[in-house]
């Protein structure tokens, strides 16, 4: 009985999920990170707003089906998230942009045989936070902003604050 229970728990933990970003933040390479403003005040403050939530596989019907079938029944879910980035200098907005992204979520261990987590669009996942959509969208929004912001804004004088939409 004890062996069967431990096998069932192990199988439940292996159900797996994979997520990918599409839309405005697709193919954005995250290779630069900024200090948070609460630790390093700077002349320019980048504010990143998003309505993204981490996916724990219990927020939609696909995740619930996959959970109850222990990941053996592969399912898919598409959701949309919004993000907005502003850059302020001493409280005055000097730059702003908005993005709409699609989150493609694949639930079940069978998907993990075919999907790669090495893709630039892949979202990280772990047992504690599920699919890390919030961090993925925030990091991509910052990276895209750094690539598109005006040259007059000095990246060395920039810090970031993360907020909810």
C-alpha atoms as a PDB file:
ATOM      1  CA  UNK A   1       0.000   0.000   0.000  1.00  0.00           C
ATOM      2  CA  UNK A   2       2.807   2.396   0.934  1.00  0.00           C
ATOM      3  CA  UNK A   3       4.620   1.682  -2.349  1.00  0.00           C
ATOM      4  CA  UNK A   4       1.455   2.272  -4.385  1.00  0.00           C
ATOM      5  CA  UNK A   5       0.808   5.574  -2.607  1.00  0.00           C
ATOM      6  CA  UNK A   6       4.360   6.806  -3.200  1.00  0.00           C
ATOM      7  CA  UNK A   7       4.121   5.792  -6.889  1.00  0.00           C
ATOM      8  CA  UNK A   8       0.835   7.679  -7.219  1.00  0.00           C
ATOM      9  CA  UNK A   9       2.314  10.805  -5.616  1.00  0.00           C
ATOM     10  CA  UNK A  10       5.354  10.609  -7.921  1.00  0.00           C
ATOM     11  CA  UNK A  11       3.123  10.263 -10.984  1.00  0.00           C
ATOM     12  CA  UNK A  12       1.006  13.204  -9.813  1.00  0.00           C
ATOM     13  CA  UNK A  13       4.124  15.387  -9.496  1.00  0.00           C
ATOM     14  CA  UNK A  14       5.259  14.454 -13.014  1.00  0.00           C
ATOM     15  CA  UNK A  15       2.082  15.618 -14.750  1.00  0.00           C
ATOM     16  CA  UNK A  16       3.983  18.586 -16.172  1.00  0.00           C
ATOM     17  CA  UNK A  17       3.137  21.616 -18.211  1.00  0.00           C
ATOM     18  CA  UNK A  18       4.897  23.763 -20.782  1.00  0.00           C
ATOM     19  CA  UNK A  19       4.146  27.336 -21.752  1.00  0.00           C
ATOM     20  CA  UNK A  20       5.142  29.603 -24.581  1.00  0.00           C
ATOM     21  CA  UNK A  21       4.726  33.329 -25.220  1.00  0.00           C
ATOM     22  CA  UNK A  22       3.184  34.551 -28.472  1.00  0.00           C
ATOM     23  CA  UNK A  23       1.963  37.934 -29.651  1.00  0.00           C
ATOM     24  CA  UNK A  24       3.791  41.216 -29.059  1.00  0.00           C
ATOM     25  CA  UNK A  25       6.433  39.717 -26.753  1.00  0.00           C
ATOM     26  CA  UNK A  26       7.194  36.689 -28.923  1.00  0.00           C
ATOM     27  CA  UNK A  27      10.870  36.163 -29.840  1.00  0.00           C
ATOM     28  CA  UNK A  28      12.126  38.749 -27.329  1.00  0.00           C
ATOM     29  CA  UNK A  29      15.545  37.750 -26.038  1.00  0.00           C
ATOM     30  CA  UNK A  30      16.012  38.501 -22.345  1.00  0.00           C
ATOM     31  CA  UNK A  31      19.692  39.244 -21.866  1.00  0.00           C
ATOM     32  CA  UNK A  32      19.747  42.402 -19.713  1.00  0.00           C
ATOM     33  CA  UNK A  33      18.428  42.832 -16.203  1.00  0.00           C
ATOM     34  CA  UNK A  34      17.820  46.025 -14.256  1.00  0.00           C
ATOM     35  CA  UNK A  35      18.069  46.645 -10.527  1.00  0.00           C
ATOM     36  CA  UNK A  36      14.792  47.206  -8.756  1.00  0.00           C
ATOM     37  CA  UNK A  37      14.127  50.779  -7.677  1.00  0.00           C
ATOM     38  CA  UNK A  38      13.466  49.843  -4.072  1.00  0.00           C
ATOM     39  CA  UNK A  39      17.126  48.751  -3.837  1.00  0.00           C
ATOM     40  CA  UNK A  40      18.771  51.166  -6.270  1.00  0.00           C
ATOM     41  CA  UNK A  41      17.112  54.516  -6.834  1.00  0.00           C
ATOM     42  CA  UNK A  42      17.977  56.042 -10.193  1.00  0.00           C
ATOM     43  CA  UNK A  43      17.137  59.105 -12.280  1.00  0.00           C
ATOM     44  CA  UNK A  44      14.822  57.092 -14.564  1.00  0.00           C
ATOM     45  CA  UNK A  45      12.250  54.655 -13.209  1.00  0.00           C
ATOM     46  CA  UNK A  46      10.803  51.980 -15.480  1.00  0.00           C
ATOM     47  CA  UNK A  47       7.374  50.841 -14.284  1.00  0.00           C
ATOM     48  CA  UNK A  48       6.180  47.491 -15.606  1.00  0.00           C
ATOM     49  CA  UNK A  49       2.465  46.727 -15.267  1.00  0.00           C
ATOM     50  CA  UNK A  50       0.898  43.370 -16.162  1.00  0.00           C
ATOM     51  CA  UNK A  51      -2.315  41.476 -15.580  1.00  0.00           C
ATOM     52  CA  UNK A  52      -0.509  38.133 -15.956  1.00  0.00           C
ATOM     53  CA  UNK A  53      -0.933  35.421 -13.329  1.00  0.00           C
ATOM     54  CA  UNK A  54       1.123  32.292 -12.774  1.00  0.00           C
ATOM     55  CA  UNK A  55      -0.571  29.116 -14.002  1.00  0.00           C
ATOM     56  CA  UNK A  56      -1.048  26.416 -11.370  1.00  0.00           C
ATOM     57  CA  UNK A  57      -3.130  24.161 -13.686  1.00  0.00           C
ATOM     58  CA  UNK A  58      -6.265  24.656 -11.611  1.00  0.00           C
ATOM     59  CA  UNK A  59      -7.484  27.931 -13.086  1.00  0.00           C
ATOM     60  CA  UNK A  60      -8.932  26.542 -16.331  1.00  0.00           C
ATOM     61  CA  UNK A  61     -10.690  23.421 -17.568  1.00  0.00           C
ATOM     62  CA  UNK A  62      -7.639  22.112 -19.466  1.00  0.00           C
ATOM     63  CA  UNK A  63      -5.436  22.237 -16.391  1.00  0.00           C
ATOM     64  CA  UNK A  64      -8.118  20.597 -14.259  1.00  0.00           C
ATOM     65  CA  UNK A  65      -8.557  17.752 -16.770  1.00  0.00           C
ATOM     66  CA  UNK A  66      -4.821  17.186 -16.904  1.00  0.00           C
ATOM     67  CA  UNK A  67      -4.560  17.244 -13.111  1.00  0.00           C
ATOM     68  CA  UNK A  68      -7.308  14.679 -12.614  1.00  0.00           C
ATOM     69  CA  UNK A  69      -5.891  12.379 -15.291  1.00  0.00           C
ATOM     70  CA  UNK A  70      -2.421  12.695 -13.693  1.00  0.00           C
ATOM     71  CA  UNK A  71      -1.076  14.325 -16.835  1.00  0.00           C
ATOM     72  CA  UNK A  72      -1.818  11.335 -19.044  1.00  0.00           C
ATOM     73  CA  UNK A  73      -4.444  13.216 -21.074  1.00  0.00           C
ATOM     74  CA  UNK A  74      -2.666  16.070 -22.912  1.00  0.00           C
ATOM     75  CA  UNK A  75      -4.579  19.348 -23.071  1.00  0.00           C
ATOM     76  CA  UNK A  76      -3.975  22.887 -24.331  1.00  0.00           C
ATOM     77  CA  UNK A  77      -5.085  26.320 -23.128  1.00  0.00           C
ATOM     78  CA  UNK A  78      -4.679  29.755 -24.722  1.00  0.00           C
ATOM     79  CA  UNK A  79      -4.890  32.915 -22.649  1.00  0.00           C
ATOM     80  CA  UNK A  80      -4.171  36.573 -23.291  1.00  0.00           C
ATOM     81  CA  UNK A  81      -2.220  38.922 -21.027  1.00  0.00           C
ATOM     82  CA  UNK A  82      -1.629  42.646 -21.218  1.00  0.00           C
ATOM     83  CA  UNK A  83       1.427  44.578 -20.162  1.00  0.00           C
ATOM     84  CA  UNK A  84       2.355  48.228 -20.085  1.00  0.00           C
ATOM     85  CA  UNK A  85       5.745  49.848 -19.546  1.00  0.00           C
ATOM     86  CA  UNK A  86       6.390  53.471 -18.698  1.00  0.00           C
ATOM     87  CA  UNK A  87       9.656  55.268 -18.041  1.00  0.00           C
ATOM     88  CA  UNK A  88       9.536  58.277 -15.763  1.00  0.00           C
ATOM     89  CA  UNK A  89      12.106  60.930 -14.965  1.00  0.00           C
ATOM     90  CA  UNK A  90      11.413  62.568 -11.602  1.00  0.00           C
ATOM     91  CA  UNK A  91       7.720  61.574 -11.796  1.00  0.00           C
ATOM     92  CA  UNK A  92       7.180  62.765 -15.384  1.00  0.00           C
ATOM     93  CA  UNK A  93       6.489  60.162 -18.075  1.00  0.00           C
ATOM     94  CA  UNK A  94       9.070  60.247 -20.876  1.00  0.00           C
ATOM     95  CA  UNK A  95       8.277  56.948 -22.639  1.00  0.00           C
ATOM     96  CA  UNK A  96       5.411  54.439 -22.721  1.00  0.00           C
ATOM     97  CA  UNK A  97       4.459  51.266 -24.588  1.00  0.00           C
ATOM     98  CA  UNK A  98       1.850  48.490 -24.327  1.00  0.00           C
ATOM     99  CA  UNK A  99       1.840  44.844 -25.380  1.00  0.00           C
ATOM    100  CA  UNK A 100      -0.736  42.094 -25.775  1.00  0.00           C
ATOM    101  CA  UNK A 101       0.655  38.579 -25.521  1.00  0.00           C
ATOM    102  CA  UNK A 102      -0.773  35.102 -25.907  1.00  0.00           C
ATOM    103  CA  UNK A 103       0.191  32.376 -23.476  1.00  0.00           C
ATOM    104  CA  UNK A 104       0.079  28.907 -25.041  1.00  0.00           C
ATOM    105  CA  UNK A 105      -0.084  26.346 -22.225  1.00  0.00           C
ATOM    106  CA  UNK A 106       0.330  22.623 -22.791  1.00  0.00           C
ATOM    107  CA  UNK A 107      -0.616  20.346 -19.886  1.00  0.00           C
ATOM    108  CA  UNK A 108       0.397  16.707 -19.520  1.00  0.00           C
ATOM    109  CA  UNK A 109       3.508  14.568 -19.568  1.00  0.00           C
ATOM    110  CA  UNK A 110       3.035  13.586 -23.208  1.00  0.00           C
ATOM    111  CA  UNK A 111       3.603  17.177 -24.366  1.00  0.00           C
ATOM    112  CA  UNK A 112       6.930  17.206 -22.563  1.00  0.00           C
ATOM    113  CA  UNK A 113       8.195  14.525 -24.948  1.00  0.00           C
ATOM    114  CA  UNK A 114       7.726  16.863 -27.937  1.00  0.00           C
ATOM    115  CA  UNK A 115       8.111  20.397 -26.611  1.00  0.00           C
ATOM    116  CA  UNK A 116      11.435  22.068 -25.867  1.00  0.00           C
ATOM    117  CA  UNK A 117      12.116  24.348 -22.929  1.00  0.00           C
ATOM    118  CA  UNK A 118      15.164  25.738 -24.788  1.00  0.00           C
ATOM    119  CA  UNK A 119      13.018  28.011 -26.984  1.00  0.00           C
ATOM    120  CA  UNK A 120      13.357  31.774 -26.541  1.00  0.00           C
ATOM    121  CA  UNK A 121       9.560  31.816 -26.100  1.00  0.00           C
ATOM    122  CA  UNK A 122       9.426  29.117 -23.413  1.00  0.00           C
ATOM    123  CA  UNK A 123       8.237  30.066 -19.937  1.00  0.00           C
ATOM    124  CA  UNK A 124       9.884  28.581 -16.866  1.00  0.00           C
ATOM    125  CA  UNK A 125       7.917  26.206 -14.686  1.00  0.00           C
ATOM    126  CA  UNK A 126       8.500  24.752 -11.257  1.00  0.00           C
ATOM    127  CA  UNK A 127       6.545  22.835  -8.657  1.00  0.00           C
ATOM    128  CA  UNK A 128       6.156  25.830  -6.330  1.00  0.00           C
ATOM    129  CA  UNK A 129       4.975  28.485  -8.769  1.00  0.00           C
ATOM    130  CA  UNK A 130       3.606  26.425 -11.621  1.00  0.00           C
ATOM    131  CA  UNK A 131       4.111  28.085 -14.976  1.00  0.00           C
ATOM    132  CA  UNK A 132       5.890  31.381 -14.293  1.00  0.00           C
ATOM    133  CA  UNK A 133       3.877  33.656 -16.552  1.00  0.00           C
ATOM    134  CA  UNK A 134       4.291  36.821 -14.463  1.00  0.00           C
ATOM    135  CA  UNK A 135       8.088  36.783 -14.475  1.00  0.00           C
ATOM    136  CA  UNK A 136       8.212  35.749 -18.135  1.00  0.00           C
ATOM    137  CA  UNK A 137       6.014  38.644 -19.266  1.00  0.00           C
ATOM    138  CA  UNK A 138       7.794  41.153 -17.035  1.00  0.00           C
ATOM    139  CA  UNK A 139      11.264  40.112 -18.232  1.00  0.00           C
ATOM    140  CA  UNK A 140      10.219  40.237 -21.885  1.00  0.00           C
ATOM    141  CA  UNK A 141       8.485  43.613 -21.488  1.00  0.00           C
ATOM    142  CA  UNK A 142      11.647  45.072 -19.920  1.00  0.00           C
ATOM    143  CA  UNK A 143      13.882  43.578 -22.625  1.00  0.00           C
ATOM    144  CA  UNK A 144      11.694  44.868 -25.458  1.00  0.00           C
ATOM    145  CA  UNK A 145      11.545  48.317 -23.870  1.00  0.00           C
ATOM    146  CA  UNK A 146      15.329  48.442 -23.529  1.00  0.00           C
ATOM    147  CA  UNK A 147      15.627  47.609 -27.230  1.00  0.00           C
ATOM    148  CA  UNK A 148      13.112  50.279 -28.313  1.00  0.00           C
ATOM    149  CA  UNK A 149      13.550  53.158 -25.864  1.00  0.00           C
ATOM    150  CA  UNK A 150      15.012  56.462 -27.038  1.00  0.00           C
ATOM    151  CA  UNK A 151      18.786  56.860 -27.004  1.00  0.00           C
ATOM    152  CA  UNK A 152      18.410  59.893 -24.730  1.00  0.00           C
ATOM    153  CA  UNK A 153      17.575  57.584 -21.800  1.00  0.00           C
ATOM    154  CA  UNK A 154      20.742  56.303 -20.134  1.00  0.00           C
ATOM    155  CA  UNK A 155      20.398  52.623 -19.212  1.00  0.00           C
ATOM    156  CA  UNK A 156      22.900  53.163 -16.369  1.00  0.00           C
ATOM    157  CA  UNK A 157      20.454  55.627 -14.774  1.00  0.00           C
ATOM    158  CA  UNK A 158      17.465  53.262 -15.014  1.00  0.00           C
ATOM    159  CA  UNK A 159      15.826  51.040 -12.409  1.00  0.00           C
ATOM    160  CA  UNK A 160      12.613  48.972 -12.559  1.00  0.00           C
ATOM    161  CA  UNK A 161       9.451  48.625 -10.466  1.00  0.00           C
ATOM    162  CA  UNK A 162       6.936  45.812 -11.058  1.00  0.00           C
ATOM    163  CA  UNK A 163       3.211  46.557 -10.566  1.00  0.00           C
ATOM    164  CA  UNK A 164      -0.158  44.929 -11.279  1.00  0.00           C
ATOM    165  CA  UNK A 165      -2.408  46.287 -14.026  1.00  0.00           C
END
